[in-house]
Protein backbone atom coordinates (compact mmCIF):
# COMPACT_ATOMS: atom_id res chain seq x y z
CA MET A 1 0.00 0.00 0.00
CA LEU A 2 2.82 2.44 0.82
CA LEU A 3 4.40 1.89 -2.58
CA ALA A 4 1.06 2.43 -4.32
CA ALA A 5 0.49 5.67 -2.40
CA LEU A 6 3.89 7.01 -3.42
CA CYS A 7 3.34 6.06 -7.07
CA MET A 8 0.01 7.87 -7.10
CA ALA A 9 1.72 10.91 -5.64
CA ALA A 10 4.56 10.97 -8.19
CA PRO A 11 3.22 14.02 -10.12
CA LEU A 12 3.14 16.04 -6.91
CA LEU A 13 6.80 15.28 -6.20
CA ARG A 14 7.78 17.35 -9.24
CA ALA A 15 6.15 20.36 -7.60
CA GLN A 16 7.84 20.10 -4.25
CA GLY A 17 9.62 17.15 -2.73
CA LEU A 18 9.71 14.30 -0.30
CA TRP A 19 9.97 14.59 3.49
CA THR A 20 11.17 11.52 5.37
CA SER A 21 11.70 10.91 9.07
CA ALA A 22 12.58 8.21 11.58
CA GLU A 23 11.67 8.47 15.26
CA MET A 24 12.38 6.46 18.41
CA LYS A 25 10.21 6.86 21.53
CA PHE A 26 11.04 5.53 24.99
CA ARG A 27 9.28 5.59 28.33
CA MET A 28 11.21 7.03 31.26
CA THR A 29 8.79 7.08 34.20
CA LYS A 30 5.03 7.07 34.60
CA GLY A 31 3.62 9.81 32.40
CA LEU A 32 7.07 10.88 31.13
CA SER A 33 8.59 9.72 27.85
CA GLY A 34 11.36 10.87 25.53
CA TYR A 35 11.99 10.85 21.81
CA VAL A 36 14.76 11.33 19.26
CA GLU A 37 14.09 11.95 15.58
CA GLY A 38 15.95 12.45 12.33
CA GLU A 39 14.44 14.19 9.29
CA TYR A 40 15.51 14.56 5.66
CA ARG A 41 13.84 16.76 3.03
CA THR A 42 14.56 16.84 -0.68
CA ALA A 43 14.62 20.02 -2.73
CA ASP A 44 12.03 20.78 -5.43
CA GLY A 45 11.34 17.79 -7.65
CA LEU A 46 13.72 15.53 -5.67
CA ASP A 47 16.63 17.60 -7.01
CA GLY A 48 19.13 17.33 -4.18
CA THR A 49 18.79 18.08 -0.47
CA GLU A 50 16.77 20.92 1.01
CA ARG A 51 17.62 20.21 4.63
CA TRP A 52 18.22 17.63 7.30
CA ALA A 53 17.44 17.93 10.99
CA ALA A 54 17.88 16.10 14.29
CA SER A 55 15.52 16.48 17.26
CA ALA A 56 15.22 15.35 20.87
CA GLY A 57 12.61 16.08 23.49
CA LEU A 58 10.29 15.03 26.31
CA ASP A 59 6.54 14.35 26.54
CA TYR A 60 4.67 14.52 29.82
CA LYS A 61 1.01 13.55 30.26
CA LEU A 62 -0.58 16.00 32.66
CA SER A 63 -3.87 14.09 32.42
CA ARG A 64 -5.65 11.66 30.10
CA TRP A 65 -6.53 14.50 27.75
CA LEU A 66 -3.63 16.96 28.13
CA LYS A 67 0.03 16.46 27.14
CA MET A 68 3.03 18.79 27.46
CA THR A 69 6.03 18.59 25.11
CA ALA A 70 9.41 20.34 25.13
CA GLY A 71 12.12 19.78 22.53
CA TYR A 72 15.21 20.97 20.68
CA THR A 73 15.93 20.69 16.94
CA TYR A 74 19.15 21.27 15.02
CA ILE A 75 18.49 22.19 11.38
CA HIS A 76 21.06 22.19 8.56
CA ARG A 77 19.47 23.87 5.51
CA HIS A 78 20.76 24.24 1.94
CA VAL A 79 20.28 27.81 0.67
CA GLU A 80 20.46 29.34 -2.80
CA SER A 81 19.91 33.08 -3.17
CA VAL A 82 20.21 36.18 -5.36
CA THR A 83 20.62 39.63 -3.78
CA LYS A 84 18.25 42.55 -4.44
CA LYS A 85 20.94 44.08 -6.71
CA GLY A 86 21.04 40.91 -8.85
CA ASN A 87 24.32 39.55 -7.50
CA ILE A 88 24.62 35.77 -7.22
CA VAL A 89 25.40 34.23 -3.83
CA SER A 90 26.97 30.76 -3.86
CA ASP A 91 25.02 27.86 -2.35
CA TYR A 92 25.71 27.46 1.34
CA TRP A 93 24.57 25.41 4.32
CA GLN A 94 22.85 27.35 7.07
CA PRO A 95 22.70 25.99 10.65
CA ARG A 96 19.71 26.80 12.85
CA HIS A 97 18.81 26.04 16.44
CA ARG A 98 15.17 25.62 17.43
CA ALA A 99 13.53 25.22 20.83
CA SER A 100 9.83 24.46 21.22
CA PHE A 101 7.19 24.02 23.88
CA ALA A 102 3.68 22.67 23.26
CA LEU A 103 0.42 21.77 24.96
CA THR A 104 -1.86 19.25 23.25
CA GLY A 105 -5.44 18.66 24.35
CA SER A 106 -7.36 15.69 22.94
CA TYR A 107 -10.92 14.33 23.07
CA SER A 108 -12.09 10.88 21.92
CA TRP A 109 -15.59 10.11 20.67
CA ASN A 110 -16.46 6.62 19.40
CA ARG A 111 -13.49 5.82 17.15
CA PHE A 112 -12.62 9.47 16.46
CA THR A 113 -9.95 11.47 18.27
CA PHE A 114 -9.83 15.27 17.99
CA SER A 115 -6.85 17.25 19.20
CA LEU A 116 -5.69 20.85 19.41
CA ARG A 117 -1.99 21.58 19.75
CA GLU A 118 -0.55 25.00 20.58
CA ARG A 119 3.20 25.10 20.00
CA TYR A 120 5.58 27.98 20.64
CA GLN A 121 8.89 27.75 18.78
CA TYR A 122 11.98 29.92 18.86
CA THR A 123 14.48 29.67 16.00
CA TYR A 124 17.96 31.17 15.98
CA ARG A 125 19.90 31.49 12.71
CA THR A 126 23.65 31.94 13.09
CA GLU A 127 25.68 34.62 11.32
CA GLN A 128 27.88 33.53 8.41
CA THR A 129 29.37 34.65 5.09
CA ALA A 130 29.08 33.25 1.56
CA ALA A 131 30.95 33.90 -1.69
CA LYS A 132 29.26 36.36 -4.09
CA TRP A 133 29.58 37.18 -7.81
CA ASP A 134 28.30 39.96 -10.05
CA GLY A 135 25.12 38.83 -11.80
CA ASP A 136 26.12 40.53 -15.09
CA ASP A 137 29.79 39.78 -15.72
CA GLY A 138 30.44 37.02 -13.16
CA SER A 139 33.27 38.89 -11.44
CA ALA A 140 33.95 38.14 -7.80
CA LYS A 141 32.63 40.56 -5.19
CA ALA A 142 33.05 40.89 -1.44
CA ASP A 143 31.50 38.03 0.49
CA GLU A 144 27.82 38.33 1.37
CA LEU A 145 27.13 38.64 5.11
CA ILE A 146 24.14 36.63 6.28
CA GLU A 147 23.22 38.18 9.59
CA ALA A 148 22.04 36.26 12.63
CA SER A 149 18.30 36.33 13.25
CA HIS A 150 15.73 35.33 15.85
CA LYS A 151 12.18 34.21 15.14
CA HIS A 152 9.25 33.55 17.49
CA VAL A 153 6.28 31.61 16.08
CA LEU A 154 3.03 30.23 17.49
CA ARG A 155 1.76 27.14 15.65
CA SER A 156 -1.88 26.13 16.17
CA ARG A 157 -2.87 22.69 14.83
CA LEU A 158 -6.33 21.11 14.78
CA LYS A 159 -6.29 17.39 13.97
CA ALA A 160 -8.88 14.63 13.54
CA GLU A 161 -8.08 10.88 13.51
CA TYR A 162 -10.22 7.80 12.94
CA ASP A 163 -9.25 4.37 14.26
CA ILE A 164 -10.50 1.77 11.76
CA ARG A 165 -11.83 -1.25 13.61
CA LYS A 166 -9.70 -4.43 13.42
CA SER A 167 -7.13 -2.65 11.28
CA GLY A 168 -3.74 -1.09 11.79
CA PHE A 169 -4.80 1.99 9.82
CA THR A 170 -5.60 5.35 11.44
CA PRO A 171 -6.45 7.99 8.80
CA PHE A 172 -6.02 11.62 9.83
CA ALA A 173 -6.46 15.19 8.61
CA SER A 174 -5.14 18.42 10.08
CA CYS A 175 -4.87 22.16 9.57
CA GLU A 176 -2.00 24.12 11.12
CA LEU A 177 -1.70 27.91 11.29
CA TYR A 178 1.64 29.70 11.69
CA ASN A 179 1.50 33.09 13.39
CA SER A 180 4.51 35.33 13.96
CA LEU A 181 4.67 36.67 17.50
CA SER A 182 6.26 39.85 16.17
CA GLY A 183 2.99 41.69 15.73
CA PHE A 184 1.01 38.41 15.70
CA THR A 185 0.68 38.24 11.91
CA HIS A 186 -0.41 35.12 10.03
CA GLU A 187 2.46 33.61 8.01
CA LYS A 188 1.18 30.43 6.39
CA THR A 189 -1.12 27.42 6.65
CA ARG A 190 -0.34 23.70 6.35
CA TRP A 191 -3.12 21.33 5.22
CA THR A 192 -2.38 17.62 5.73
CA VAL A 193 -4.16 14.32 5.04
CA GLY A 194 -2.70 10.86 5.51
CA THR A 195 -2.74 7.66 7.49
CA ASP A 196 -0.74 5.91 10.17
CA TYR A 197 -0.27 2.17 9.95
CA ARG A 198 0.67 0.20 13.06
CA PHE A 199 2.41 -3.12 12.42
CA ASN A 200 2.53 -3.96 16.13
CA LYS A 201 3.06 -2.24 19.50
CA ARG A 202 6.57 -1.14 18.56
CA HIS A 203 6.63 -0.42 14.82
CA SER A 204 4.48 2.00 12.81
CA VAL A 205 4.67 4.11 9.66
CA SER A 206 2.94 7.26 8.48
CA VAL A 207 2.26 8.44 4.91
CA PHE A 208 0.81 11.87 4.18
CA TYR A 209 0.15 14.54 1.59
CA ARG A 210 0.64 18.16 2.64
CA TYR A 211 -0.09 21.48 0.99
CA ILE A 212 1.66 24.64 2.25
CA ASP A 213 -0.05 27.77 1.01
CA ARG A 214 3.04 30.00 0.85
CA SER A 215 6.83 29.90 1.06
CA ASP A 216 8.85 31.41 3.87
CA ASP A 217 12.31 31.14 5.39
CA ASP A 218 11.47 27.70 6.80
CA ASP A 219 9.38 25.92 4.14
CA THR A 220 8.96 26.02 0.38
CA GLY A 221 5.28 26.46 -0.45
CA GLY A 222 3.44 23.88 -2.53
CA HIS A 223 2.87 20.13 -2.46
CA VAL A 224 4.69 17.69 -0.19
CA ILE A 225 4.63 13.91 0.21
CA GLY A 226 5.87 12.56 3.54
CA VAL A 227 6.88 9.14 4.85
CA GLY A 228 7.79 8.52 8.49
CA TYR A 229 8.78 5.53 10.60
CA SER A 230 8.33 5.27 14.38
CA PHE A 231 9.77 2.76 16.84
CA LYS A 232 8.80 2.44 20.51
CA LEU A 233 11.20 0.89 23.01
């Protein structure tokens, strides 16, 4: 089924790319668990690498319906750019550090589960330089300075899941809004549909289609296909 889903989604891959991830979860004490995750994203049309990332964090269940999450992510992103004056900046890899904190409330009804997650994330981009050339004659120019930056974002996600009886499949759909906390302006929206498939208590996979309504410094807008694997100790 996973292969068939990816084949059906092949035309969309030309528009954006493929996001893949692998996650390991482990219980620490009652109510407290940890996770580590690796992520890899291709550039547009599977043409090279857009970014890779590594994450680690903790989940704590405050009650049956409320969960708290705190985590850190290191992001290594491939950047191509042209300056406002038309000069060409060489490709470079940009490191970023991201901290996040989230509260997720959930409610189950029959075989449906509805959840609302509010996540605050802070991203720090380090300062660096990159080689630069004149866009007209190709002559070398002084290196381009990419200044350090800070970004505060509130992500609000509403999600619905359905547990199919006597099946490992759990289809889901979600809508996530990104709002900048600098003036509280809306930045973009992510629409996602997909399914989780649980092989057993330890192993599961997730396949999804995602549409991002606009590009920003973190995501390229357009169509995305994602595949993830999760393992529970």
